Amino acid sequence: MSASSRELPEPAFENAIQQIEEETGMSYVASIERVRLKREREEGKVEGKTEGYAALLSTQIARKFGTLPDWAKVRLVAADDITLNRWAEQILDAQRIEDVFK
């Protein structure tokens, strides 16, 4: 059995990785780890973008109609980008806060 096909106990594996990092002067990040990290960054960007849309719309609604009721806050937090964009358009013509969320 070759060394690469043997399973090392976790502490031994971590020590082996640390040794590789020290010898090469680079952090060891497997390809699968790079893919996972990239996906997490992208998901974080999308999530942050959605939160930003919700915060902006919340500010606009509060400015136009006053304090946001709890039900509106819940809907804003739960909404996706498409819904938030639709509501952002609807606020322009809305006469009541309920009209925004149709």
C-alpha atoms as a PDB file:
ATOM      1  CA  MET A   1       0.000   0.000   0.000  1.00  0.00           C
ATOM      2  CA  SER A   2       1.482   3.347  -1.000  1.00  0.00           C
ATOM      3  CA  ALA A   3       1.730   6.264   1.413  1.00  0.00           C
ATOM      4  CA  SER A   4      -0.769   8.273  -0.617  1.00  0.00           C
ATOM      5  CA  SER A   5      -3.459   5.606  -0.399  1.00  0.00           C
ATOM      6  CA  ARG A   6      -3.131   5.021   3.354  1.00  0.00           C
ATOM      7  CA  GLU A   7      -5.446   6.833   5.682  1.00  0.00           C
ATOM      8  CA  LEU A   8      -3.591   8.808   8.306  1.00  0.00           C
ATOM      9  CA  PRO A   9      -5.084   9.558  11.693  1.00  0.00           C
ATOM     10  CA  GLU A  10      -6.268  13.159  11.744  1.00  0.00           C
ATOM     11  CA  PRO A  11      -3.376  14.539  13.872  1.00  0.00           C
ATOM     12  CA  ALA A  12      -0.857  12.787  11.608  1.00  0.00           C
ATOM     13  CA  PHE A  13      -2.626  14.143   8.535  1.00  0.00           C
ATOM     14  CA  GLU A  14      -2.577  17.664   9.964  1.00  0.00           C
ATOM     15  CA  ASN A  15       1.126  17.293  10.760  1.00  0.00           C
ATOM     16  CA  ALA A  16       1.810  16.101   7.216  1.00  0.00           C
ATOM     17  CA  ILE A  17      -0.055  19.088   5.791  1.00  0.00           C
ATOM     18  CA  GLN A  18       1.840  21.455   8.077  1.00  0.00           C
ATOM     19  CA  GLN A  19       5.132  19.942   6.936  1.00  0.00           C
ATOM     20  CA  ILE A  20       4.159  20.381   3.274  1.00  0.00           C
ATOM     21  CA  GLU A  21       3.207  23.999   3.938  1.00  0.00           C
ATOM     22  CA  GLU A  22       6.529  24.675   5.670  1.00  0.00           C
ATOM     23  CA  GLU A  23       8.563  22.972   2.937  1.00  0.00           C
ATOM     24  CA  THR A  24       6.810  24.722   0.068  1.00  0.00           C
ATOM     25  CA  GLY A  25       6.133  28.041   1.772  1.00  0.00           C
ATOM     26  CA  MET A  26       2.525  27.827   0.586  1.00  0.00           C
ATOM     27  CA  SER A  27      -0.755  26.990   2.212  1.00  0.00           C
ATOM     28  CA  TYR A  28      -2.147  23.622   1.233  1.00  0.00           C
ATOM     29  CA  VAL A  29      -5.620  24.000  -0.148  1.00  0.00           C
ATOM     30  CA  ALA A  30      -7.006  21.110  -2.127  1.00  0.00           C
ATOM     31  CA  SER A  31      -8.845  21.797  -5.355  1.00  0.00           C
ATOM     32  CA  ILE A  32     -12.133  20.747  -3.801  1.00  0.00           C
ATOM     33  CA  GLU A  33     -11.505  23.171  -0.949  1.00  0.00           C
ATOM     34  CA  ARG A  34     -10.860  26.007  -3.415  1.00  0.00           C
ATOM     35  CA  VAL A  35     -14.124  25.209  -5.192  1.00  0.00           C
ATOM     36  CA  ARG A  36     -16.008  25.158  -1.881  1.00  0.00           C
ATOM     37  CA  LEU A  37     -14.480  28.465  -0.789  1.00  0.00           C
ATOM     38  CA  LYS A  38     -15.332  30.084  -4.122  1.00  0.00           C
ATOM     39  CA  ARG A  39     -18.927  28.844  -3.909  1.00  0.00           C
ATOM     40  CA  GLU A  40     -19.264  30.143  -0.348  1.00  0.00           C
ATOM     41  CA  ARG A  41     -17.938  33.564  -1.385  1.00  0.00           C
ATOM     42  CA  GLU A  42     -20.404  33.713  -4.274  1.00  0.00           C
ATOM     43  CA  GLU A  43     -23.289  32.654  -2.038  1.00  0.00           C
ATOM     44  CA  GLY A  44     -22.253  35.300   0.468  1.00  0.00           C
ATOM     45  CA  LYS A  45     -22.275  37.963  -2.229  1.00  0.00           C
ATOM     46  CA  VAL A  46     -25.774  36.990  -3.344  1.00  0.00           C
ATOM     47  CA  GLU A  47     -27.015  36.908   0.229  1.00  0.00           C
ATOM     48  CA  GLY A  48     -25.451  40.300   0.941  1.00  0.00           C
ATOM     49  CA  LYS A  49     -26.982  41.748  -2.202  1.00  0.00           C
ATOM     50  CA  THR A  50     -30.441  40.516  -1.203  1.00  0.00           C
ATOM     51  CA  GLU A  51     -30.033  41.916   2.308  1.00  0.00           C
ATOM     52  CA  GLY A  52     -29.003  45.243   0.791  1.00  0.00           C
ATOM     53  CA  TYR A  53     -32.092  45.335  -1.432  1.00  0.00           C
ATOM     54  CA  ALA A  54     -34.305  44.560   1.561  1.00  0.00           C
ATOM     55  CA  ALA A  55     -32.660  47.272   3.673  1.00  0.00           C
ATOM     56  CA  LEU A  56     -33.039  49.877   0.936  1.00  0.00           C
ATOM     57  CA  LEU A  57     -36.668  48.986   0.315  1.00  0.00           C
ATOM     58  CA  SER A  58     -37.320  49.057   4.058  1.00  0.00           C
ATOM     59  CA  THR A  59     -35.929  52.591   4.204  1.00  0.00           C
ATOM     60  CA  GLN A  60     -38.015  53.692   1.231  1.00  0.00           C
ATOM     61  CA  ILE A  61     -41.206  52.225   2.670  1.00  0.00           C
ATOM     62  CA  ALA A  62     -40.566  53.803   6.071  1.00  0.00           C
ATOM     63  CA  ARG A  63     -39.936  57.170   4.470  1.00  0.00           C
ATOM     64  CA  LYS A  64     -43.114  57.010   2.410  1.00  0.00           C
ATOM     65  CA  PHE A  65     -45.489  55.366   4.908  1.00  0.00           C
ATOM     66  CA  GLY A  66     -43.883  55.744   8.330  1.00  0.00           C
ATOM     67  CA  THR A  67     -42.824  52.999  10.708  1.00  0.00           C
ATOM     68  CA  LEU A  68     -42.783  49.530   9.184  1.00  0.00           C
ATOM     69  CA  PRO A  69     -45.232  47.107  10.773  1.00  0.00           C
ATOM     70  CA  ASP A  70     -43.811  43.766  11.901  1.00  0.00           C
ATOM     71  CA  TRP A  71     -45.590  41.885   9.114  1.00  0.00           C
ATOM     72  CA  ALA A  72     -43.801  44.040   6.515  1.00  0.00           C
ATOM     73  CA  LYS A  73     -40.407  43.431   8.140  1.00  0.00           C
ATOM     74  CA  VAL A  74     -41.024  39.679   8.061  1.00  0.00           C
ATOM     75  CA  ARG A  75     -41.949  39.777   4.384  1.00  0.00           C
ATOM     76  CA  LEU A  76     -38.902  41.870   3.492  1.00  0.00           C
ATOM     77  CA  VAL A  77     -36.489  39.528   5.268  1.00  0.00           C
ATOM     78  CA  ALA A  78     -38.025  36.441   3.642  1.00  0.00           C
ATOM     79  CA  ALA A  79     -38.178  37.824   0.088  1.00  0.00           C
ATOM     80  CA  ASP A  80     -35.887  36.890  -2.788  1.00  0.00           C
ATOM     81  CA  ASP A  81     -34.317  39.338  -5.265  1.00  0.00           C
ATOM     82  CA  ILE A  82     -37.090  39.039  -7.838  1.00  0.00           C
ATOM     83  CA  THR A  83     -39.790  39.808  -5.284  1.00  0.00           C
ATOM     84  CA  LEU A  84     -37.806  42.688  -3.784  1.00  0.00           C
ATOM     85  CA  ASN A  85     -37.338  44.206  -7.236  1.00  0.00           C
ATOM     86  CA  ARG A  86     -41.066  43.919  -7.937  1.00  0.00           C
ATOM     87  CA  TRP A  87     -41.869  45.619  -4.632  1.00  0.00           C
ATOM     88  CA  ALA A  88     -39.294  48.331  -5.370  1.00  0.00           C
ATOM     89  CA  GLU A  89     -41.221  49.156  -8.537  1.00  0.00           C
ATOM     90  CA  GLN A  90     -44.598  48.959  -6.821  1.00  0.00           C
ATOM     91  CA  ILE A  91     -43.625  51.434  -4.107  1.00  0.00           C
ATOM     92  CA  LEU A  92     -43.510  54.164  -6.742  1.00  0.00           C
ATOM     93  CA  ASP A  93     -47.278  54.006  -7.314  1.00  0.00           C
ATOM     94  CA  ALA A  94     -48.403  52.600  -3.956  1.00  0.00           C
ATOM     95  CA  GLN A  95     -50.976  54.632  -2.056  1.00  0.00           C
ATOM     96  CA  ARG A  96     -50.835  52.352   0.996  1.00  0.00           C
ATOM     97  CA  ILE A  97     -48.114  50.127   2.398  1.00  0.00           C
ATOM     98  CA  GLU A  98     -50.212  47.077   1.513  1.00  0.00           C
ATOM     99  CA  ASP A  99     -50.031  48.077  -2.164  1.00  0.00           C
ATOM    100  CA  VAL A 100     -46.262  47.586  -2.128  1.00  0.00           C
ATOM    101  CA  PHE A 101     -46.598  43.917  -1.211  1.00  0.00           C
ATOM    102  CA  LYS A 102     -49.236  42.884  -3.773  1.00  0.00           C
END
